[in-house]
Amino acid sequence: MRISGNTILITGGGSGIGRALAEAFQSEDNQVIIAGRRKKQLDETVAANPGMKAAVLDIENGESLRGFAEKLKHDYPALNVVIHNAGIMRPESLQDGAIADAEAMIATNLLGPIRLTAALLPFLQAQPRPAIMTVSSGLAFVPMAMTPTYCATKAAIHSYTQSLRYQLRDTSVQVLELIPPYVQTELMGPRQANDPNAMPLEDFIAETMTILKTSPDAIEICVERVKPLRFAEASGGYDAFFKKFNNAMSAEAGR
């Protein structure tokens, strides 16, 4: 992926990893457009980063996505990179029978990127140096049992990304997957943003950008901290790793 000279759409760009990526890419001489549900957050981010653009998008609403895509193509005809970052993460008790949170996470985390890719792909294929980056998670490879649907959506995004990359192998579209570890953001609330066990957001972004700069042909962007999760299955002892990991997460959640 070329690191500069792009026009980049980043969903979920008003906060957390999305905002940090937007600011990092803008500093590398890219035109960045952030999209998200909360206009106030988008406006605050744009105000803090002159030259950045914003567009309101409820990615959970499939009916609005095609109209959003058409307006995006009209307003930003040079758009050549899409980063699917928008996501929600909610704990679930599978024994209580509630599915509203599960349905919201599937609509946002999985159907959102699939629908937006479908709406923009023909346009992107006609652009110079096009790229699509999905954002999955280390939890796609070792699920955290207290957030089952979130982990399932990220595993599905990993699988979808692999298939998309293969189907586009004879085109100019580069397909990448960013695989974050546990990062200090407010994805699960203020506690996560200050959790010393989470990777500082600034460090995660710095390492991610270094990988993109030094390994332009990389298809999976894995910082060192996520590799134990990403390669848990391949390294052997997965069952023991899964149990130890989830016991530790359950103990932490109970504190």
Protein backbone atom coordinates (compact mmCIF):
# COMPACT_ATOMS: atom_id res chain seq x y z
CA MET A 1 0.00 0.00 0.00
CA ARG A 2 1.38 3.38 -0.95
CA ILE A 3 1.64 5.43 2.23
CA SER A 4 1.00 8.89 0.77
CA GLY A 5 -0.86 10.62 -2.05
CA ASN A 6 -4.12 8.74 -1.45
CA THR A 7 -7.71 9.76 -0.82
CA ILE A 8 -8.76 7.55 2.10
CA LEU A 9 -12.12 6.80 3.66
CA ILE A 10 -11.92 5.56 7.27
CA THR A 11 -15.15 4.35 8.86
CA GLY A 12 -15.42 4.79 12.60
CA GLY A 13 -12.94 7.62 12.22
CA GLY A 14 -14.20 9.90 14.98
CA SER A 15 -12.56 8.11 17.89
CA GLY A 16 -10.19 5.38 18.97
CA ILE A 17 -8.14 3.49 16.42
CA GLY A 18 -10.07 5.11 13.55
CA ARG A 19 -9.25 8.65 14.59
CA ALA A 20 -5.63 7.76 15.31
CA LEU A 21 -5.26 6.14 11.89
CA ALA A 22 -6.90 9.16 10.25
CA GLU A 23 -4.46 11.55 11.90
CA ALA A 24 -1.49 9.33 11.07
CA PHE A 25 -2.46 9.04 7.40
CA GLN A 26 -3.18 12.76 7.13
CA SER A 27 0.32 13.48 8.43
CA GLU A 28 1.65 11.39 5.51
CA ASP A 29 0.11 13.72 2.90
CA ASN A 30 -3.17 11.92 2.27
CA GLN A 31 -6.67 13.37 1.91
CA VAL A 32 -8.61 11.66 4.68
CA ILE A 33 -12.39 11.39 5.00
CA ILE A 34 -13.71 10.04 8.28
CA ALA A 35 -17.18 8.54 8.60
CA GLY A 36 -19.25 7.59 11.60
CA ARG A 37 -22.59 7.81 13.37
CA ARG A 38 -21.80 10.59 15.82
CA LYS A 39 -21.57 13.96 14.09
CA LYS A 40 -20.23 15.69 17.20
CA GLN A 41 -17.21 13.39 17.34
CA LEU A 42 -16.60 13.78 13.62
CA ASP A 43 -16.78 17.57 13.89
CA GLU A 44 -14.38 17.61 16.84
CA THR A 45 -11.89 15.43 14.96
CA VAL A 46 -12.06 17.55 11.82
CA ALA A 47 -11.69 20.76 13.85
CA ALA A 48 -8.53 19.36 15.42
CA ASN A 49 -7.14 18.31 12.01
CA PRO A 50 -7.56 21.06 9.39
CA GLY A 51 -8.01 19.64 5.92
CA MET A 52 -9.64 16.41 7.09
CA LYS A 53 -13.19 15.79 5.85
CA ALA A 54 -16.14 14.02 7.48
CA ALA A 55 -19.36 12.30 6.45
CA VAL A 56 -22.10 10.96 8.71
CA LEU A 57 -22.71 7.25 8.18
CA ASP A 58 -24.82 4.79 10.14
CA ILE A 59 -23.06 1.68 8.86
CA GLU A 60 -25.60 -0.54 10.62
CA ASN A 61 -28.30 0.77 8.28
CA GLY A 62 -27.97 -1.17 5.04
CA GLU A 63 -30.55 0.95 3.22
CA SER A 64 -28.49 4.12 3.63
CA LEU A 65 -25.16 2.65 2.56
CA ARG A 66 -25.66 2.74 -1.19
CA GLY A 67 -26.75 6.38 -1.10
CA PHE A 68 -23.74 7.16 1.08
CA ALA A 69 -21.45 5.43 -1.42
CA GLU A 70 -22.90 7.35 -4.37
CA LYS A 71 -22.47 10.70 -2.60
CA LEU A 72 -18.94 9.73 -1.58
CA LYS A 73 -17.96 8.95 -5.16
CA HIS A 74 -19.43 12.27 -6.30
CA ASP A 75 -17.77 14.36 -3.58
CA TYR A 76 -14.39 12.57 -3.66
CA PRO A 77 -13.73 11.32 -7.20
CA ALA A 78 -10.11 10.50 -6.32
CA LEU A 79 -11.10 8.08 -3.53
CA ASN A 80 -8.82 5.04 -3.83
CA VAL A 81 -8.47 3.59 -0.32
CA VAL A 82 -11.13 2.34 2.08
CA ILE A 83 -10.36 1.33 5.67
CA HIS A 84 -13.20 -0.61 7.30
CA ASN A 85 -12.62 0.32 10.93
CA ALA A 86 -16.12 0.92 12.36
CA GLY A 87 -17.07 -1.60 14.99
CA ILE A 88 -18.90 -2.16 18.26
CA MET A 89 -18.07 -4.61 21.04
CA ARG A 90 -20.50 -5.63 23.76
CA PRO A 91 -20.34 -8.40 26.35
CA GLU A 92 -23.05 -11.03 26.15
CA SER A 93 -24.47 -13.75 28.36
CA LEU A 94 -25.57 -16.42 25.92
CA GLN A 95 -27.78 -18.03 28.53
CA ASP A 96 -30.22 -15.12 28.81
CA GLY A 97 -31.58 -15.48 25.28
CA ALA A 98 -31.13 -11.82 24.30
CA ILE A 99 -29.98 -11.21 20.72
CA ALA A 100 -30.30 -7.45 20.17
CA ASP A 101 -26.61 -6.81 20.87
CA ALA A 102 -25.59 -9.74 18.68
CA GLU A 103 -27.66 -8.46 15.78
CA ALA A 104 -26.23 -4.94 16.13
CA MET A 105 -22.66 -6.24 16.13
CA ILE A 106 -23.25 -8.43 13.08
CA ALA A 107 -24.85 -5.51 11.20
CA THR A 108 -22.05 -3.09 12.09
CA ASN A 109 -18.93 -5.25 12.20
CA LEU A 110 -19.66 -7.70 9.40
CA LEU A 111 -22.52 -6.63 7.12
CA GLY A 112 -21.32 -3.02 7.14
CA PRO A 113 -17.93 -3.74 5.53
CA ILE A 114 -19.45 -6.29 3.14
CA ARG A 115 -22.13 -3.86 1.97
CA LEU A 116 -19.79 -0.89 1.65
CA THR A 117 -17.23 -2.94 -0.26
CA ALA A 118 -19.93 -4.10 -2.67
CA ALA A 119 -21.08 -0.52 -3.21
CA LEU A 120 -17.59 0.90 -3.81
CA LEU A 121 -15.62 -1.92 -5.42
CA PRO A 122 -16.38 -1.17 -9.11
CA PHE A 123 -15.43 2.47 -8.50
CA LEU A 124 -12.22 1.53 -6.67
CA GLN A 125 -11.13 -0.86 -9.40
CA ALA A 126 -11.01 2.06 -11.83
CA GLN A 127 -8.77 4.12 -9.55
CA PRO A 128 -4.95 4.22 -9.44
CA ARG A 129 -3.34 2.27 -6.59
CA PRO A 130 -6.61 1.13 -4.96
CA ALA A 131 -6.60 -0.61 -1.59
CA ILE A 132 -9.11 -2.01 0.88
CA MET A 133 -8.09 -2.54 4.48
CA THR A 134 -10.29 -4.42 6.91
CA VAL A 135 -9.76 -4.20 10.65
CA SER A 136 -10.25 -7.50 12.41
CA SER A 137 -8.80 -8.34 15.84
CA GLY A 138 -6.53 -10.74 17.64
CA LEU A 139 -9.81 -12.05 19.03
CA ALA A 140 -10.63 -13.37 15.55
CA PHE A 141 -8.07 -16.08 16.27
CA VAL A 142 -8.56 -16.66 20.00
CA PRO A 143 -12.08 -15.60 21.02
CA MET A 144 -12.79 -13.93 24.33
CA ALA A 145 -15.77 -15.93 25.56
CA MET A 146 -17.48 -12.98 27.26
CA THR A 147 -17.82 -11.22 23.87
CA PRO A 148 -18.81 -14.14 21.62
CA THR A 149 -20.55 -12.35 18.76
CA TYR A 150 -17.91 -9.64 18.50
CA CYS A 151 -15.22 -12.31 18.18
CA ALA A 152 -17.31 -14.23 15.66
CA THR A 153 -17.73 -11.12 13.49
CA LYS A 154 -13.99 -10.53 13.52
CA ALA A 155 -13.28 -14.15 12.60
CA ALA A 156 -15.75 -13.73 9.74
CA ILE A 157 -14.05 -10.52 8.61
CA HIS A 158 -10.71 -12.36 8.52
CA SER A 159 -12.26 -15.09 6.37
CA TYR A 160 -14.06 -12.58 4.14
CA THR A 161 -10.81 -10.62 3.65
CA GLN A 162 -8.96 -13.73 2.52
CA SER A 163 -11.67 -14.53 -0.04
CA LEU A 164 -11.85 -10.93 -1.24
CA ARG A 165 -8.07 -10.86 -1.71
CA TYR A 166 -8.15 -14.08 -3.73
CA GLN A 167 -11.03 -12.95 -5.92
CA LEU A 168 -9.23 -9.68 -6.64
CA ARG A 169 -5.84 -11.32 -7.22
CA ASP A 170 -5.82 -10.41 -10.92
CA THR A 171 -6.86 -6.80 -10.34
CA SER A 172 -4.92 -3.79 -9.09
CA VAL A 173 -6.80 -3.72 -5.75
CA GLN A 174 -4.60 -4.50 -2.76
CA VAL A 175 -6.47 -6.13 0.14
CA LEU A 176 -4.97 -5.80 3.61
CA GLU A 177 -6.05 -6.83 7.08
CA LEU A 178 -5.10 -4.87 10.18
CA ILE A 179 -5.17 -7.14 13.25
CA PRO A 180 -5.11 -5.08 16.47
CA PRO A 181 -4.36 -6.47 19.92
CA TYR A 182 -6.06 -5.15 23.05
CA VAL A 183 -5.55 -1.39 22.68
CA GLN A 184 -6.22 1.54 25.01
CA THR A 185 -9.44 2.86 23.45
CA GLU A 186 -13.00 3.28 24.69
CA LEU A 187 -14.32 0.38 22.60
CA MET A 188 -15.51 -1.29 25.81
CA GLY A 189 -15.72 1.90 27.87
CA PRO A 190 -13.43 4.28 29.80
CA ARG A 191 -11.83 1.48 31.80
CA GLN A 192 -10.24 0.04 28.66
CA ALA A 193 -8.80 3.42 27.70
CA ASN A 194 -6.80 3.48 30.93
CA ASP A 195 -6.08 -0.23 31.31
CA PRO A 196 -2.31 -0.77 31.78
CA ASN A 197 -2.74 -4.26 30.30
CA ALA A 198 -3.81 -2.74 26.97
CA MET A 199 -1.35 -1.49 24.36
CA PRO A 200 -1.12 2.31 24.32
CA LEU A 201 -2.93 3.62 21.24
CA GLU A 202 -0.03 5.83 20.23
CA ASP A 203 2.35 2.86 20.28
CA PHE A 204 -0.03 0.71 18.26
CA ILE A 205 -0.42 3.34 15.55
CA ALA A 206 3.31 4.03 15.40
CA GLU A 207 4.14 0.34 14.95
CA THR A 208 1.34 -0.10 12.41
CA MET A 209 2.55 2.80 10.29
CA THR A 210 6.12 1.50 10.46
CA ILE A 211 4.97 -1.87 9.11
CA LEU A 212 3.05 -0.19 6.29
CA LYS A 213 6.10 1.88 5.36
CA THR A 214 8.70 -0.87 5.58
CA SER A 215 6.59 -3.79 4.29
CA PRO A 216 4.48 -2.33 1.47
CA ASP A 217 3.48 -5.79 0.22
CA ALA A 218 2.30 -7.05 3.61
CA ILE A 219 -1.24 -8.45 3.55
CA GLU A 220 -1.66 -8.82 7.32
CA ILE A 221 -0.56 -5.97 9.58
CA CYS A 222 0.37 -7.56 12.90
CA VAL A 223 2.16 -5.63 15.62
CA GLU A 224 4.33 -7.80 17.87
CA ARG A 225 1.82 -7.67 20.70
CA VAL A 226 -0.93 -9.43 18.72
CA LYS A 227 1.20 -12.28 17.40
CA PRO A 228 0.56 -14.69 20.34
CA LEU A 229 -3.16 -14.52 19.48
CA ARG A 230 -2.74 -14.51 15.70
CA PHE A 231 -0.52 -17.58 15.72
CA ALA A 232 -1.91 -19.45 18.74
CA GLU A 233 -3.34 -22.24 16.59
CA ALA A 234 -0.16 -22.66 14.56
CA SER A 235 2.13 -22.66 17.58
CA GLY A 236 0.41 -25.64 19.21
CA GLY A 237 -1.28 -25.92 22.59
CA TYR A 238 -4.29 -23.92 21.46
CA ASP A 239 -6.77 -25.43 23.92
CA ALA A 240 -4.55 -24.63 26.89
CA PHE A 241 -3.90 -21.12 25.55
CA PHE A 242 -7.63 -20.52 25.04
CA LYS A 243 -8.45 -21.64 28.57
CA LYS A 244 -5.65 -19.63 30.19
CA PHE A 245 -6.54 -16.53 28.20
CA ASN A 246 -10.24 -16.68 29.01
CA ASN A 247 -9.63 -17.49 32.68
CA ALA A 248 -7.45 -14.38 32.88
CA MET A 249 -10.06 -12.23 31.11
CA SER A 250 -12.85 -13.51 33.38
CA ALA A 251 -10.78 -12.78 36.47
CA GLU A 252 -9.99 -9.27 35.21
CA ALA A 253 -13.65 -8.58 34.41
CA GLY A 254 -14.63 -9.65 37.92
CA ARG A 255 -12.30 -7.19 39.60
